[in-house]
Amino acid sequence: MKDETKTAILTAVLMIGLIIIFKNVIYKPLNVVPLYLIPVFLYIGYITRRVGANLWIGMTLFITLAMAVLHAFF
C-alpha cells in the first residue's frame, strides 16, 4: 500500500474515532479548534514536507491522542 493511502486512511479513522469517542463515550462537545481536524492539518503537513509515512503516523497518533486526553480531562 502506498504511503499516501496509509496516511489518508489514518486521517479518516482518527477523525471518525474522535467524533465517536467524544459524542458517544465521553459525552463532551468537540468545541476546541475542531479537535477532529488535527489529523487533517497534519496530513496537509505531510503532503507538503514529505517527512516519511512512519514518522508522520507516529506523530499524528501521539498528538491526536494527547490532545484528546487533555481535552477530555480539562
N, C-alpha and C. Protein backbone atom coordinates (compact mmCIF):
# COMPACT_ATOMS: atom_id res chain seq x y z
N MET A 1 0.84 -1.17 0.00
CA MET A 1 0.00 0.00 0.00
C MET A 1 0.89 1.24 0.00
N LYS A 2 0.53 2.24 -0.76
CA LYS A 2 1.32 3.46 -0.85
C LYS A 2 1.22 4.26 0.45
N ASP A 3 2.27 5.03 0.70
CA ASP A 3 2.29 5.85 1.91
C ASP A 3 1.15 6.86 1.93
N GLU A 4 0.82 7.43 0.79
CA GLU A 4 -0.27 8.40 0.72
C GLU A 4 -1.60 7.76 1.10
N THR A 5 -1.80 6.53 0.70
CA THR A 5 -3.04 5.81 1.03
C THR A 5 -3.10 5.52 2.52
N LYS A 6 -1.98 5.09 3.10
CA LYS A 6 -1.95 4.81 4.53
C LYS A 6 -2.28 6.06 5.34
N THR A 7 -1.68 7.18 4.97
CA THR A 7 -1.90 8.40 5.72
C THR A 7 -3.33 8.92 5.57
N ALA A 8 -3.89 8.78 4.39
CA ALA A 8 -5.28 9.20 4.19
C ALA A 8 -6.25 8.35 5.00
N ILE A 9 -6.01 7.05 5.04
CA ILE A 9 -6.87 6.15 5.82
C ILE A 9 -6.75 6.47 7.31
N LEU A 10 -5.52 6.68 7.80
CA LEU A 10 -5.33 7.01 9.21
C LEU A 10 -6.02 8.33 9.55
N THR A 11 -5.94 9.31 8.69
CA THR A 11 -6.60 10.59 8.92
C THR A 11 -8.10 10.40 9.07
N ALA A 12 -8.70 9.66 8.17
CA ALA A 12 -10.15 9.42 8.23
C ALA A 12 -10.53 8.65 9.49
N VAL A 13 -9.76 7.63 9.84
CA VAL A 13 -10.07 6.82 11.03
C VAL A 13 -9.96 7.67 12.29
N LEU A 14 -8.93 8.51 12.40
CA LEU A 14 -8.77 9.36 13.57
C LEU A 14 -9.90 10.37 13.69
N MET A 15 -10.30 10.97 12.59
CA MET A 15 -11.39 11.94 12.62
C MET A 15 -12.69 11.28 13.09
N ILE A 16 -13.02 10.17 12.51
CA ILE A 16 -14.26 9.47 12.87
C ILE A 16 -14.17 8.94 14.30
N GLY A 17 -13.02 8.40 14.67
CA GLY A 17 -12.83 7.88 16.02
C GLY A 17 -12.98 8.95 17.08
N LEU A 18 -12.41 10.12 16.86
CA LEU A 18 -12.54 11.20 17.83
C LEU A 18 -13.99 11.64 17.98
N ILE A 19 -14.69 11.74 16.89
CA ILE A 19 -16.10 12.15 16.95
C ILE A 19 -16.91 11.13 17.73
N ILE A 20 -16.72 9.86 17.45
CA ILE A 20 -17.47 8.80 18.13
C ILE A 20 -17.15 8.78 19.62
N ILE A 21 -15.87 8.87 19.97
CA ILE A 21 -15.49 8.82 21.38
C ILE A 21 -16.06 10.01 22.15
N PHE A 22 -15.95 11.21 21.60
CA PHE A 22 -16.42 12.38 22.34
C PHE A 22 -17.94 12.48 22.38
N LYS A 23 -18.61 12.09 21.33
CA LYS A 23 -20.07 12.21 21.30
C LYS A 23 -20.77 11.07 22.04
N ASN A 24 -20.24 9.84 21.97
CA ASN A 24 -20.95 8.67 22.49
C ASN A 24 -20.34 8.05 23.75
N VAL A 25 -19.08 8.32 24.03
CA VAL A 25 -18.44 7.70 25.19
C VAL A 25 -18.22 8.71 26.31
N ILE A 26 -17.61 9.84 25.99
CA ILE A 26 -17.28 10.84 26.99
C ILE A 26 -18.41 11.86 27.18
N TYR A 27 -19.23 12.03 26.18
CA TYR A 27 -20.34 12.99 26.19
C TYR A 27 -19.87 14.42 26.40
N LYS A 28 -18.80 14.77 25.72
CA LYS A 28 -18.29 16.14 25.74
C LYS A 28 -18.31 16.68 24.32
N PRO A 29 -18.60 17.97 24.18
CA PRO A 29 -18.58 18.53 22.82
C PRO A 29 -17.14 18.74 22.34
N LEU A 30 -16.98 18.68 21.06
CA LEU A 30 -15.67 18.97 20.45
C LEU A 30 -15.64 20.45 20.11
N ASN A 31 -15.52 21.30 21.12
CA ASN A 31 -15.56 22.73 20.87
C ASN A 31 -14.19 23.38 20.85
N VAL A 32 -13.14 22.58 20.91
CA VAL A 32 -11.78 23.10 20.75
C VAL A 32 -11.62 23.35 19.27
N VAL A 33 -10.64 24.18 18.89
CA VAL A 33 -10.41 24.40 17.47
C VAL A 33 -10.54 23.02 16.88
N PRO A 34 -11.61 22.80 16.15
CA PRO A 34 -12.11 21.44 15.98
C PRO A 34 -11.04 20.37 16.10
N LEU A 35 -11.13 19.68 17.22
CA LEU A 35 -10.14 18.66 17.58
C LEU A 35 -10.02 17.59 16.50
N TYR A 36 -11.13 17.29 15.86
CA TYR A 36 -11.09 16.25 14.84
C TYR A 36 -10.40 16.72 13.56
N LEU A 37 -10.07 17.99 13.45
CA LEU A 37 -9.35 18.48 12.27
C LEU A 37 -7.84 18.42 12.43
N ILE A 38 -7.35 18.09 13.63
CA ILE A 38 -5.90 18.00 13.84
C ILE A 38 -5.26 17.00 12.88
N PRO A 39 -5.83 15.79 12.69
CA PRO A 39 -5.22 14.89 11.72
C PRO A 39 -5.20 15.45 10.30
N VAL A 40 -6.20 16.25 9.95
CA VAL A 40 -6.24 16.85 8.61
C VAL A 40 -5.10 17.85 8.46
N PHE A 41 -4.88 18.67 9.49
CA PHE A 41 -3.78 19.63 9.43
C PHE A 41 -2.43 18.92 9.32
N LEU A 42 -2.27 17.83 10.06
CA LEU A 42 -1.03 17.08 9.98
C LEU A 42 -0.88 16.39 8.62
N TYR A 43 -1.97 15.96 8.03
CA TYR A 43 -1.93 15.36 6.70
C TYR A 43 -1.47 16.39 5.67
N ILE A 44 -1.96 17.59 5.81
CA ILE A 44 -1.53 18.66 4.91
C ILE A 44 -0.02 18.89 5.07
N GLY A 45 0.44 18.87 6.34
CA GLY A 45 1.88 18.99 6.58
C GLY A 45 2.67 17.87 5.94
N TYR A 46 2.13 16.67 6.00
CA TYR A 46 2.81 15.53 5.38
C TYR A 46 2.91 15.71 3.87
N ILE A 47 1.85 16.15 3.26
CA ILE A 47 1.86 16.32 1.81
C ILE A 47 2.90 17.36 1.39
N THR A 48 3.01 18.42 2.15
CA THR A 48 3.92 19.50 1.76
C THR A 48 5.37 19.22 2.11
N ARG A 49 5.64 18.45 3.15
CA ARG A 49 7.03 18.26 3.58
C ARG A 49 7.60 16.88 3.28
N ARG A 50 6.77 15.90 3.16
CA ARG A 50 7.22 14.52 2.87
C ARG A 50 8.24 14.02 3.90
N VAL A 51 7.85 14.01 5.16
CA VAL A 51 8.76 13.57 6.22
C VAL A 51 8.88 12.06 6.30
N GLY A 52 8.02 11.37 5.65
CA GLY A 52 8.04 9.91 5.71
C GLY A 52 6.79 9.41 6.41
N ALA A 53 6.24 8.34 5.92
CA ALA A 53 4.95 7.84 6.42
C ALA A 53 5.03 7.36 7.86
N ASN A 54 6.07 6.63 8.21
CA ASN A 54 6.15 6.09 9.58
C ASN A 54 6.28 7.19 10.62
N LEU A 55 7.09 8.18 10.34
CA LEU A 55 7.23 9.30 11.26
C LEU A 55 5.93 10.08 11.36
N TRP A 56 5.28 10.30 10.22
CA TRP A 56 4.01 11.03 10.22
C TRP A 56 2.94 10.27 11.01
N ILE A 57 2.84 8.97 10.83
CA ILE A 57 1.83 8.17 11.53
C ILE A 57 2.07 8.24 13.05
N GLY A 58 3.29 8.07 13.48
CA GLY A 58 3.60 8.14 14.90
C GLY A 58 3.31 9.51 15.48
N MET A 59 3.72 10.55 14.78
CA MET A 59 3.50 11.91 15.25
C MET A 59 2.01 12.23 15.31
N THR A 60 1.26 11.84 14.31
CA THR A 60 -0.17 12.11 14.26
C THR A 60 -0.91 11.39 15.38
N LEU A 61 -0.60 10.12 15.59
CA LEU A 61 -1.24 9.37 16.67
C LEU A 61 -0.93 10.00 18.03
N PHE A 62 0.31 10.34 18.27
CA PHE A 62 0.70 10.92 19.55
C PHE A 62 0.00 12.25 19.79
N ILE A 63 0.05 13.15 18.83
CA ILE A 63 -0.55 14.47 19.02
C ILE A 63 -2.06 14.38 19.16
N THR A 64 -2.71 13.58 18.33
CA THR A 64 -4.16 13.47 18.39
C THR A 64 -4.61 12.87 19.71
N LEU A 65 -3.97 11.80 20.15
CA LEU A 65 -4.35 11.17 21.42
C LEU A 65 -4.04 12.08 22.60
N ALA A 66 -2.92 12.78 22.57
CA ALA A 66 -2.58 13.69 23.66
C ALA A 66 -3.60 14.82 23.75
N MET A 67 -3.98 15.40 22.62
CA MET A 67 -4.98 16.48 22.63
C MET A 67 -6.33 15.96 23.10
N ALA A 68 -6.70 14.76 22.70
CA ALA A 68 -7.99 14.19 23.11
C ALA A 68 -8.01 13.94 24.62
N VAL A 69 -6.92 13.39 25.16
CA VAL A 69 -6.87 13.13 26.60
C VAL A 69 -6.90 14.44 27.38
N LEU A 70 -6.13 15.42 26.96
CA LEU A 70 -6.14 16.70 27.65
C LEU A 70 -7.52 17.36 27.60
N HIS A 71 -8.16 17.29 26.46
CA HIS A 71 -9.47 17.90 26.32
C HIS A 71 -10.52 17.13 27.13
N ALA A 72 -10.39 15.84 27.23
CA ALA A 72 -11.36 15.04 27.98
C ALA A 72 -11.29 15.30 29.47
N PHE A 73 -10.09 15.55 29.99
CA PHE A 73 -9.93 15.75 31.42
C PHE A 73 -10.07 17.19 31.87
N PHE A 74 -9.86 18.14 30.98
CA PHE A 74 -9.92 19.55 31.39
C PHE A 74 -11.00 20.29 30.70
